[in-house]
């Protein structure tokens, strides 16, 4: 299971595309989030969420 809780099914579906263990909600919304990249570094958190 990728997520424990998601704001919506839409978010959950989008997040399922990322590798398991790559990012958790705790780390995604922590101060480190600005330094976290997704999908092999092809974008920041805001970019990933808006895709």
PDB file of N, CA and C in Angstrom:
ATOM      1  N   UNK A   1       0.852  -1.198   0.000  1.00  0.00           N
ATOM      2  CA  UNK A   1       0.000   0.000   0.000  1.00  0.00           C
ATOM      3  C   UNK A   1       0.880   1.237   0.000  1.00  0.00           C
ATOM      4  N   UNK A   2       0.561   2.166  -0.869  1.00  0.00           N
ATOM      5  CA  UNK A   2       1.413   3.346  -1.016  1.00  0.00           C
ATOM      6  C   UNK A   2       1.067   4.429  -0.004  1.00  0.00           C
ATOM      7  N   UNK A   3      -0.227   4.572   0.289  1.00  0.00           N
ATOM      8  CA  UNK A   3      -0.654   5.652   1.167  1.00  0.00           C
ATOM      9  C   UNK A   3      -1.523   5.135   2.293  1.00  0.00           C
ATOM     10  N   UNK A   4      -1.391   5.754   3.442  1.00  0.00           N
ATOM     11  CA  UNK A   4      -2.276   5.459   4.562  1.00  0.00           C
ATOM     12  C   UNK A   4      -3.553   6.274   4.400  1.00  0.00           C
ATOM     13  N   UNK A   5      -3.374   7.538   4.023  1.00  0.00           N
ATOM     14  CA  UNK A   5      -4.527   8.425   3.818  1.00  0.00           C
ATOM     15  C   UNK A   5      -4.197   9.409   2.710  1.00  0.00           C
ATOM     16  N   UNK A   6      -5.194   9.783   1.943  1.00  0.00           N
ATOM     17  CA  UNK A   6      -4.989  10.750   0.867  1.00  0.00           C
ATOM     18  C   UNK A   6      -6.140  11.749   0.877  1.00  0.00           C
ATOM     19  N   UNK A   7      -5.865  13.000   0.482  1.00  0.00           N
ATOM     20  CA  UNK A   7      -6.920  14.011   0.451  1.00  0.00           C
ATOM     21  C   UNK A   7      -8.085  13.609  -0.449  1.00  0.00           C
ATOM     22  N   UNK A   8      -7.785  12.832  -1.477  1.00  0.00           N
ATOM     23  CA  UNK A   8      -8.835  12.408  -2.395  1.00  0.00           C
ATOM     24  C   UNK A   8      -8.353  11.199  -3.172  1.00  0.00           C
ATOM     25  N   UNK A   9      -9.260  10.506  -3.834  1.00  0.00           N
ATOM     26  CA  UNK A   9      -8.866   9.379  -4.671  1.00  0.00           C
ATOM     27  C   UNK A   9      -7.941   9.847  -5.791  1.00  0.00           C
ATOM     28  N   UNK A  10      -8.190  11.034  -6.301  1.00  0.00           N
ATOM     29  CA  UNK A  10      -7.367  11.576  -7.376  1.00  0.00           C
ATOM     30  C   UNK A  10      -5.909  11.659  -6.943  1.00  0.00           C
ATOM     31  N   UNK A  11      -5.676  12.180  -5.750  1.00  0.00           N
ATOM     32  CA  UNK A  11      -4.316  12.268  -5.234  1.00  0.00           C
ATOM     33  C   UNK A  11      -3.719  10.882  -5.069  1.00  0.00           C
ATOM     34  N   UNK A  12      -4.508   9.964  -4.553  1.00  0.00           N
ATOM     35  CA  UNK A  12      -4.003   8.618  -4.309  1.00  0.00           C
ATOM     36  C   UNK A  12      -3.571   7.960  -5.612  1.00  0.00           C
ATOM     37  N   UNK A  13      -4.365   8.129  -6.658  1.00  0.00           N
ATOM     38  CA  UNK A  13      -4.031   7.564  -7.962  1.00  0.00           C
ATOM     39  C   UNK A  13      -2.722   8.155  -8.484  1.00  0.00           C
ATOM     40  N   UNK A  14      -2.549   9.455  -8.378  1.00  0.00           N
ATOM     41  CA  UNK A  14      -1.328  10.096  -8.855  1.00  0.00           C
ATOM     42  C   UNK A  14      -0.108   9.596  -8.072  1.00  0.00           C
ATOM     43  N   UNK A  15      -0.247   9.472  -6.769  1.00  0.00           N
ATOM     44  CA  UNK A  15       0.889   9.062  -5.953  1.00  0.00           C
ATOM     45  C   UNK A  15       1.266   7.607  -6.189  1.00  0.00           C
ATOM     46  N   UNK A  16       0.307   6.790  -6.611  1.00  0.00           N
ATOM     47  CA  UNK A  16       0.619   5.380  -6.857  1.00  0.00           C
ATOM     48  C   UNK A  16       1.632   5.206  -7.969  1.00  0.00           C
ATOM     49  N   UNK A  17       1.824   6.241  -8.796  1.00  0.00           N
ATOM     50  CA  UNK A  17       2.792   6.145  -9.876  1.00  0.00           C
ATOM     51  C   UNK A  17       4.236   6.217  -9.411  1.00  0.00           C
ATOM     52  N   UNK A  18       4.458   6.569  -8.144  1.00  0.00           N
ATOM     53  CA  UNK A  18       5.818   6.694  -7.648  1.00  0.00           C
ATOM     54  C   UNK A  18       6.289   5.409  -7.002  1.00  0.00           C
ATOM     55  N   UNK A  19       7.577   5.159  -7.006  1.00  0.00           N
ATOM     56  CA  UNK A  19       8.116   3.919  -6.437  1.00  0.00           C
ATOM     57  C   UNK A  19       7.753   3.775  -4.968  1.00  0.00           C
ATOM     58  N   UNK A  20       7.427   2.582  -4.568  1.00  0.00           N
ATOM     59  CA  UNK A  20       7.091   2.343  -3.157  1.00  0.00           C
ATOM     60  C   UNK A  20       8.294   2.692  -2.296  1.00  0.00           C
ATOM     61  N   UNK A  21       8.052   3.337  -1.190  1.00  0.00           N
ATOM     62  CA  UNK A  21       9.137   3.713  -0.302  1.00  0.00           C
ATOM     63  C   UNK A  21       9.865   4.971  -0.748  1.00  0.00           C
ATOM     64  N   UNK A  22       9.493   5.527  -1.889  1.00  0.00           N
ATOM     65  CA  UNK A  22      10.172   6.721  -2.370  1.00  0.00           C
ATOM     66  C   UNK A  22       9.838   7.944  -1.546  1.00  0.00           C
ATOM     67  N   UNK A  23       8.564   8.099  -1.243  1.00  0.00           N
ATOM     68  CA  UNK A  23       8.110   9.272  -0.505  1.00  0.00           C
ATOM     69  C   UNK A  23       6.906   8.891   0.332  1.00  0.00           C
ATOM     70  N   UNK A  24       6.882   9.371   1.547  1.00  0.00           N
ATOM     71  CA  UNK A  24       5.718   9.173   2.409  1.00  0.00           C
ATOM     72  C   UNK A  24       5.066  10.525   2.643  1.00  0.00           C
ATOM     73  N   UNK A  25       3.823  10.506   3.117  1.00  0.00           N
ATOM     74  CA  UNK A  25       3.158  11.786   3.391  1.00  0.00           C
ATOM     75  C   UNK A  25       3.944  12.580   4.429  1.00  0.00           C
ATOM     76  N   UNK A  26       4.523  11.885   5.406  1.00  0.00           N
ATOM     77  CA  UNK A  26       5.285  12.570   6.445  1.00  0.00           C
ATOM     78  C   UNK A  26       6.457  13.340   5.837  1.00  0.00           C
ATOM     79  N   UNK A  27       7.183  12.706   4.922  1.00  0.00           N
ATOM     80  CA  UNK A  27       8.341  13.380   4.327  1.00  0.00           C
ATOM     81  C   UNK A  27       7.905  14.384   3.267  1.00  0.00           C
ATOM     82  N   UNK A  28       6.820  14.084   2.566  1.00  0.00           N
ATOM     83  CA  UNK A  28       6.378  14.967   1.491  1.00  0.00           C
ATOM     84  C   UNK A  28       5.981  16.342   2.031  1.00  0.00           C
ATOM     85  N   UNK A  29       5.446  16.365   3.256  1.00  0.00           N
ATOM     86  CA  UNK A  29       4.991  17.641   3.809  1.00  0.00           C
ATOM     87  C   UNK A  29       5.868  18.138   4.952  1.00  0.00           C
ATOM     88  N   UNK A  30       7.091  17.633   4.980  1.00  0.00           N
ATOM     89  CA  UNK A  30       8.049  18.097   5.978  1.00  0.00           C
ATOM     90  C   UNK A  30       8.883  19.229   5.390  1.00  0.00           C
ATOM     91  N   UNK A  31       9.693  19.913   6.214  1.00  0.00           N
ATOM     92  CA  UNK A  31      10.546  20.986   5.701  1.00  0.00           C
ATOM     93  C   UNK A  31      11.482  20.509   4.588  1.00  0.00           C
ATOM     94  N   UNK A  32      11.797  19.208   4.586  1.00  0.00           N
ATOM     95  CA  UNK A  32      12.696  18.667   3.560  1.00  0.00           C
ATOM     96  C   UNK A  32      12.026  18.580   2.193  1.00  0.00           C
ATOM     97  N   UNK A  33      10.702  18.752   2.160  1.00  0.00           N
ATOM     98  CA  UNK A  33       9.959  18.562   0.911  1.00  0.00           C
ATOM     99  C   UNK A  33      10.532  19.395  -0.244  1.00  0.00           C
ATOM    100  N   UNK A  34      11.032  20.582   0.068  1.00  0.00           N
ATOM    101  CA  UNK A  34      11.577  21.443  -0.984  1.00  0.00           C
ATOM    102  C   UNK A  34      12.784  20.805  -1.670  1.00  0.00           C
ATOM    103  N   UNK A  35      13.427  19.861  -0.979  1.00  0.00           N
ATOM    104  CA  UNK A  35      14.616  19.231  -1.550  1.00  0.00           C
ATOM    105  C   UNK A  35      14.304  17.867  -2.159  1.00  0.00           C
ATOM    106  N   UNK A  36      13.063  17.423  -1.986  1.00  0.00           N
ATOM    107  CA  UNK A  36      12.689  16.103  -2.495  1.00  0.00           C
ATOM    108  C   UNK A  36      12.283  16.189  -3.960  1.00  0.00           C
ATOM    109  N   UNK A  37      12.774  15.286  -4.756  1.00  0.00           N
ATOM    110  CA  UNK A  37      12.375  15.225  -6.157  1.00  0.00           C
ATOM    111  C   UNK A  37      11.708  13.880  -6.429  1.00  0.00           C
ATOM    112  N   UNK A  38      10.968  13.821  -7.525  1.00  0.00           N
ATOM    113  CA  UNK A  38      10.163  12.648  -7.823  1.00  0.00           C
ATOM    114  C   UNK A  38      10.474  12.108  -9.206  1.00  0.00           C
ATOM    115  N   UNK A  39      10.087  10.873  -9.426  1.00  0.00           N
ATOM    116  CA  UNK A  39      10.235  10.247 -10.745  1.00  0.00           C
ATOM    117  C   UNK A  39      11.650  10.433 -11.296  1.00  0.00           C
ATOM    118  N   UNK A  40      12.629  10.089 -10.508  1.00  0.00           N
ATOM    119  CA  UNK A  40      14.005  10.188 -10.974  1.00  0.00           C
ATOM    120  C   UNK A  40      14.499  11.614 -11.059  1.00  0.00           C
ATOM    121  N   UNK A  41      13.923  12.502 -10.268  1.00  0.00           N
ATOM    122  CA  UNK A  41      14.385  13.878 -10.238  1.00  0.00           C
ATOM    123  C   UNK A  41      13.755  14.749 -11.311  1.00  0.00           C
ATOM    124  N   UNK A  42      12.645  14.302 -11.877  1.00  0.00           N
ATOM    125  CA  UNK A  42      12.026  15.077 -12.949  1.00  0.00           C
ATOM    126  C   UNK A  42      10.980  16.055 -12.415  1.00  0.00           C
ATOM    127  N   UNK A  43      11.313  16.774 -11.374  1.00  0.00           N
ATOM    128  CA  UNK A  43      10.382  17.775 -10.874  1.00  0.00           C
ATOM    129  C   UNK A  43      10.341  17.832  -9.362  1.00  0.00           C
ATOM    130  N   UNK A  44       9.864  18.942  -8.852  1.00  0.00           N
ATOM    131  CA  UNK A  44       9.749  19.126  -7.416  1.00  0.00           C
ATOM    132  C   UNK A  44       8.374  18.660  -6.946  1.00  0.00           C
ATOM    133  N   UNK A  45       8.129  18.732  -5.662  1.00  0.00           N
ATOM    134  CA  UNK A  45       6.834  18.321  -5.120  1.00  0.00           C
ATOM    135  C   UNK A  45       5.677  19.083  -5.765  1.00  0.00           C
ATOM    136  N   UNK A  46       5.727  20.418  -5.828  1.00  0.00           N
ATOM    137  CA  UNK A  46       4.607  21.136  -6.458  1.00  0.00           C
ATOM    138  C   UNK A  46       4.372  20.726  -7.910  1.00  0.00           C
ATOM    139  N   UNK A  47       5.452  20.495  -8.632  1.00  0.00           N
ATOM    140  CA  UNK A  47       5.308  20.094 -10.030  1.00  0.00           C
ATOM    141  C   UNK A  47       4.661  18.711 -10.129  1.00  0.00           C
ATOM    142  N   UNK A  48       5.052  17.836  -9.227  1.00  0.00           N
ATOM    143  CA  UNK A  48       4.507  16.479  -9.245  1.00  0.00           C
ATOM    144  C   UNK A  48       3.016  16.493  -8.921  1.00  0.00           C
ATOM    145  N   UNK A  49       2.637  17.346  -7.988  1.00  0.00           N
ATOM    146  CA  UNK A  49       1.239  17.389  -7.579  1.00  0.00           C
ATOM    147  C   UNK A  49       0.347  18.045  -8.618  1.00  0.00           C
ATOM    148  N   UNK A  50       0.929  18.879  -9.449  1.00  0.00           N
ATOM    149  CA  UNK A  50       0.117  19.601 -10.432  1.00  0.00           C
ATOM    150  C   UNK A  50       0.083  18.890 -11.782  1.00  0.00           C
ATOM    151  N   UNK A  51       0.851  17.820 -11.913  1.00  0.00           N
ATOM    152  CA  UNK A  51       0.900  17.077 -13.180  1.00  0.00           C
ATOM    153  C   UNK A  51      -0.436  16.407 -13.458  1.00  0.00           C
TER     154      UNK A  51
END
